[in-house]
């Protein structure tokens, strides 16, 4: 299993953010919003990215899109959804 975060912020901002939170996963940057637009994650009328969680299978297929992300509960929601999708836990 692999996981990462993605943001439309700059690589410099994301590095600072990841360092501040001591994240244990990569935080990818998409400041041009090209990839976010391809996934339908940018509101056309405002140009701002949506806060969604997209689950992509090993085969590259979208398995689920959570459009109701609540930042404070996101970690628990992600763990629950990974279990529902039968994604094996990573070994430490």
N, C-alpha and C. Protein backbone atom coordinates (compact mmCIF):
# COMPACT_ATOMS: atom_id res chain seq x y z
N UNK A 1 0.85 -1.18 0.00
CA UNK A 1 0.00 0.00 0.00
C UNK A 1 0.89 1.24 0.00
N UNK A 2 0.49 2.22 -0.74
CA UNK A 2 1.18 3.51 -0.75
C UNK A 2 0.14 4.60 -0.52
N UNK A 3 0.53 5.62 0.15
CA UNK A 3 -0.37 6.76 0.33
C UNK A 3 0.43 8.04 0.32
N UNK A 4 -0.23 9.10 -0.05
CA UNK A 4 0.41 10.40 -0.12
C UNK A 4 -0.66 11.47 -0.05
N UNK A 5 -0.24 12.66 0.21
CA UNK A 5 -1.14 13.80 0.16
C UNK A 5 -0.82 14.61 -1.08
N UNK A 6 -1.76 15.39 -1.54
CA UNK A 6 -1.54 16.26 -2.69
C UNK A 6 -2.21 17.59 -2.42
N UNK A 7 -1.56 18.62 -2.89
CA UNK A 7 -2.05 19.97 -2.64
C UNK A 7 -1.75 20.83 -3.85
N UNK A 8 -2.50 21.89 -4.02
CA UNK A 8 -2.24 22.84 -5.09
C UNK A 8 -1.28 23.94 -4.63
N UNK A 9 -0.72 23.78 -3.45
CA UNK A 9 0.26 24.73 -2.95
C UNK A 9 1.63 24.44 -3.56
N UNK A 10 2.56 25.36 -3.38
CA UNK A 10 3.91 25.21 -3.95
C UNK A 10 4.68 24.12 -3.20
N UNK A 11 5.70 23.55 -3.84
CA UNK A 11 6.53 22.56 -3.15
C UNK A 11 7.16 23.12 -1.88
N UNK A 12 7.57 24.38 -1.91
CA UNK A 12 8.19 24.99 -0.74
C UNK A 12 7.22 25.07 0.44
N UNK A 13 6.00 25.50 0.15
CA UNK A 13 4.98 25.58 1.20
C UNK A 13 4.66 24.19 1.74
N UNK A 14 4.50 23.21 0.84
CA UNK A 14 4.17 21.86 1.27
C UNK A 14 5.28 21.24 2.10
N UNK A 15 6.55 21.53 1.76
CA UNK A 15 7.67 21.00 2.55
C UNK A 15 7.62 21.58 3.97
N UNK A 16 7.39 22.87 4.06
CA UNK A 16 7.30 23.53 5.36
C UNK A 16 6.13 22.94 6.17
N UNK A 17 4.99 22.75 5.52
CA UNK A 17 3.81 22.19 6.16
C UNK A 17 4.08 20.77 6.64
N UNK A 18 4.68 19.94 5.78
CA UNK A 18 4.98 18.54 6.12
C UNK A 18 5.98 18.47 7.27
N UNK A 19 6.99 19.34 7.23
CA UNK A 19 7.99 19.37 8.31
C UNK A 19 7.35 19.79 9.64
N UNK A 20 6.48 20.78 9.57
CA UNK A 20 5.80 21.28 10.77
C UNK A 20 4.96 20.20 11.43
N UNK A 21 4.29 19.38 10.61
CA UNK A 21 3.41 18.33 11.13
C UNK A 21 4.13 16.99 11.27
N UNK A 22 5.41 16.95 10.88
CA UNK A 22 6.19 15.72 10.95
C UNK A 22 5.47 14.57 10.22
N UNK A 23 5.01 14.84 9.02
CA UNK A 23 4.27 13.85 8.25
C UNK A 23 5.17 12.68 7.88
N UNK A 24 4.59 11.48 7.85
CA UNK A 24 5.36 10.29 7.49
C UNK A 24 5.03 9.81 6.08
N UNK A 25 4.54 10.72 5.25
CA UNK A 25 4.20 10.40 3.87
C UNK A 25 4.51 11.61 2.99
N UNK A 26 4.72 11.36 1.71
CA UNK A 26 5.02 12.47 0.80
C UNK A 26 3.81 13.38 0.61
N UNK A 27 4.08 14.64 0.41
CA UNK A 27 3.05 15.62 0.12
C UNK A 27 3.39 16.22 -1.24
N UNK A 28 2.62 15.84 -2.24
CA UNK A 28 2.88 16.26 -3.61
C UNK A 28 2.29 17.64 -3.87
N UNK A 29 2.89 18.34 -4.83
CA UNK A 29 2.44 19.70 -5.16
C UNK A 29 1.92 19.76 -6.60
N UNK A 30 0.85 20.50 -6.77
CA UNK A 30 0.24 20.70 -8.08
C UNK A 30 -0.17 22.17 -8.22
N UNK A 31 0.82 23.10 -8.13
CA UNK A 31 0.45 24.52 -8.15
C UNK A 31 -0.21 24.98 -9.45
N UNK A 32 0.01 24.27 -10.54
CA UNK A 32 -0.66 24.63 -11.79
C UNK A 32 -2.11 24.16 -11.80
N UNK A 33 -2.46 23.28 -10.87
CA UNK A 33 -3.79 22.68 -10.72
C UNK A 33 -4.15 21.77 -11.90
N UNK A 34 -3.18 21.41 -12.72
CA UNK A 34 -3.44 20.57 -13.90
C UNK A 34 -4.00 19.21 -13.49
N UNK A 35 -3.33 18.52 -12.59
CA UNK A 35 -3.79 17.20 -12.16
C UNK A 35 -5.11 17.31 -11.41
N UNK A 36 -5.21 18.30 -10.53
CA UNK A 36 -6.46 18.51 -9.78
C UNK A 36 -7.64 18.72 -10.73
N UNK A 37 -7.42 19.47 -11.79
CA UNK A 37 -8.48 19.71 -12.78
C UNK A 37 -8.85 18.41 -13.48
N UNK A 38 -7.85 17.59 -13.82
CA UNK A 38 -8.13 16.32 -14.49
C UNK A 38 -8.97 15.39 -13.63
N UNK A 39 -8.83 15.48 -12.32
CA UNK A 39 -9.62 14.66 -11.40
C UNK A 39 -10.94 15.34 -11.04
N UNK A 40 -11.19 16.52 -11.56
CA UNK A 40 -12.43 17.23 -11.25
C UNK A 40 -12.42 17.84 -9.86
N UNK A 41 -11.23 18.14 -9.37
CA UNK A 41 -11.11 18.63 -8.00
C UNK A 41 -10.99 20.14 -7.89
N UNK A 42 -11.21 20.84 -8.98
CA UNK A 42 -11.15 22.30 -8.95
C UNK A 42 -12.52 22.84 -9.33
N UNK A 43 -13.05 23.70 -8.48
CA UNK A 43 -14.34 24.33 -8.75
C UNK A 43 -14.14 25.29 -9.92
N UNK A 44 -14.80 25.02 -11.03
CA UNK A 44 -14.61 25.82 -12.24
C UNK A 44 -14.90 27.30 -12.04
N UNK A 45 -15.90 27.61 -11.27
CA UNK A 45 -16.29 29.01 -11.12
C UNK A 45 -15.33 29.82 -10.26
N UNK A 46 -14.61 29.18 -9.35
CA UNK A 46 -13.71 29.91 -8.46
C UNK A 46 -12.24 29.55 -8.67
N UNK A 47 -11.95 28.37 -9.23
CA UNK A 47 -10.58 27.97 -9.43
C UNK A 47 -9.90 27.41 -8.20
N UNK A 48 -10.65 27.28 -7.10
CA UNK A 48 -10.08 26.74 -5.86
C UNK A 48 -10.24 25.23 -5.83
N UNK A 49 -9.22 24.53 -5.34
CA UNK A 49 -9.35 23.08 -5.23
C UNK A 49 -10.34 22.69 -4.15
N UNK A 50 -11.03 21.59 -4.39
CA UNK A 50 -11.98 21.06 -3.41
C UNK A 50 -11.21 20.19 -2.42
N UNK A 51 -11.70 20.09 -1.20
CA UNK A 51 -11.07 19.24 -0.19
C UNK A 51 -11.76 17.88 -0.25
N UNK A 52 -11.30 17.05 -1.15
CA UNK A 52 -11.83 15.71 -1.32
C UNK A 52 -10.71 14.71 -1.08
N UNK A 53 -11.08 13.49 -0.72
CA UNK A 53 -10.12 12.40 -0.64
C UNK A 53 -10.47 11.42 -1.75
N UNK A 54 -9.48 11.15 -2.60
CA UNK A 54 -9.67 10.25 -3.74
C UNK A 54 -8.86 8.98 -3.46
N UNK A 55 -9.54 7.85 -3.49
CA UNK A 55 -8.90 6.56 -3.26
C UNK A 55 -8.69 5.91 -4.62
N UNK A 56 -7.44 5.65 -4.96
CA UNK A 56 -7.09 5.07 -6.25
C UNK A 56 -6.52 3.68 -6.02
N UNK A 57 -7.04 2.71 -6.75
CA UNK A 57 -6.58 1.33 -6.59
C UNK A 57 -5.19 1.14 -7.18
N UNK A 58 -4.59 -0.01 -6.88
CA UNK A 58 -3.28 -0.35 -7.44
C UNK A 58 -3.33 -0.37 -8.96
N UNK A 59 -4.51 -0.64 -9.50
CA UNK A 59 -4.69 -0.70 -10.95
C UNK A 59 -4.89 0.69 -11.57
N UNK A 60 -4.91 1.72 -10.72
CA UNK A 60 -5.08 3.08 -11.21
C UNK A 60 -6.52 3.51 -11.39
N UNK A 61 -7.46 2.71 -10.91
CA UNK A 61 -8.88 3.04 -11.01
C UNK A 61 -9.33 3.79 -9.74
N UNK A 62 -10.23 4.73 -9.91
CA UNK A 62 -10.77 5.43 -8.75
C UNK A 62 -11.74 4.49 -8.03
N UNK A 63 -11.41 4.16 -6.78
CA UNK A 63 -12.21 3.21 -6.00
C UNK A 63 -13.31 3.93 -5.23
N UNK A 64 -13.05 5.17 -4.82
CA UNK A 64 -14.03 5.92 -4.04
C UNK A 64 -13.58 7.37 -3.97
N UNK A 65 -14.53 8.28 -3.92
CA UNK A 65 -14.25 9.70 -3.72
C UNK A 65 -15.08 10.18 -2.53
N UNK A 66 -14.39 10.67 -1.52
CA UNK A 66 -15.06 11.23 -0.34
C UNK A 66 -15.18 12.73 -0.57
N UNK A 67 -16.40 13.21 -0.79
CA UNK A 67 -16.63 14.63 -1.05
C UNK A 67 -17.07 15.38 0.20
N UNK A 68 -17.10 14.67 1.32
CA UNK A 68 -17.56 15.28 2.58
C UNK A 68 -16.44 15.30 3.62
N UNK A 69 -15.24 15.65 3.21
CA UNK A 69 -14.08 15.62 4.10
C UNK A 69 -14.20 16.69 5.18
N UNK A 70 -14.02 16.26 6.41
CA UNK A 70 -13.98 17.17 7.56
C UNK A 70 -12.57 17.05 8.12
N UNK A 71 -11.80 18.12 8.02
CA UNK A 71 -10.37 18.07 8.35
C UNK A 71 -10.09 17.46 9.71
N UNK A 72 -10.87 17.80 10.71
CA UNK A 72 -10.61 17.31 12.07
C UNK A 72 -10.79 15.80 12.20
N UNK A 73 -11.63 15.21 11.37
CA UNK A 73 -11.91 13.77 11.46
C UNK A 73 -11.37 12.99 10.26
N UNK A 74 -10.59 13.64 9.40
CA UNK A 74 -10.16 13.02 8.16
C UNK A 74 -9.33 11.76 8.37
N UNK A 75 -8.41 11.77 9.32
CA UNK A 75 -7.54 10.60 9.53
C UNK A 75 -8.36 9.37 9.88
N UNK A 76 -9.30 9.50 10.79
CA UNK A 76 -10.14 8.36 11.17
C UNK A 76 -11.01 7.91 10.01
N UNK A 77 -11.53 8.86 9.25
CA UNK A 77 -12.38 8.52 8.11
C UNK A 77 -11.58 7.77 7.04
N UNK A 78 -10.35 8.18 6.83
CA UNK A 78 -9.49 7.51 5.85
C UNK A 78 -9.20 6.09 6.28
N UNK A 79 -8.85 5.90 7.55
CA UNK A 79 -8.57 4.55 8.05
C UNK A 79 -9.79 3.64 7.90
N UNK A 80 -10.96 4.18 8.21
CA UNK A 80 -12.20 3.40 8.08
C UNK A 80 -12.45 3.02 6.63
N UNK A 81 -12.30 3.97 5.71
CA UNK A 81 -12.54 3.70 4.30
C UNK A 81 -11.53 2.70 3.75
N UNK A 82 -10.27 2.81 4.15
CA UNK A 82 -9.26 1.84 3.70
C UNK A 82 -9.64 0.42 4.14
N UNK A 83 -10.16 0.29 5.36
CA UNK A 83 -10.61 -1.02 5.85
C UNK A 83 -11.79 -1.51 5.01
N UNK A 84 -12.74 -0.63 4.71
CA UNK A 84 -13.90 -1.01 3.89
C UNK A 84 -13.47 -1.46 2.50
N UNK A 85 -12.42 -0.81 1.96
CA UNK A 85 -11.92 -1.16 0.64
C UNK A 85 -10.97 -2.36 0.68
N UNK A 86 -10.80 -2.90 1.89
CA UNK A 86 -9.94 -4.06 2.12
C UNK A 86 -8.49 -3.83 1.72
N UNK A 87 -8.00 -2.62 2.03
CA UNK A 87 -6.60 -2.29 1.80
C UNK A 87 -5.83 -2.75 3.04
N UNK A 88 -4.82 -3.56 2.80
CA UNK A 88 -4.04 -4.10 3.92
C UNK A 88 -3.25 -2.98 4.60
N UNK A 89 -3.12 -3.09 5.91
CA UNK A 89 -2.33 -2.12 6.66
C UNK A 89 -0.86 -2.30 6.34
N UNK A 90 -0.15 -1.20 6.29
CA UNK A 90 1.28 -1.23 6.05
C UNK A 90 1.99 -1.77 7.28
N UNK A 91 3.02 -2.54 7.06
CA UNK A 91 3.81 -3.04 8.17
C UNK A 91 4.78 -1.98 8.62
N UNK A 92 4.98 -1.89 9.92
CA UNK A 92 5.91 -0.89 10.45
C UNK A 92 7.29 -1.46 10.60
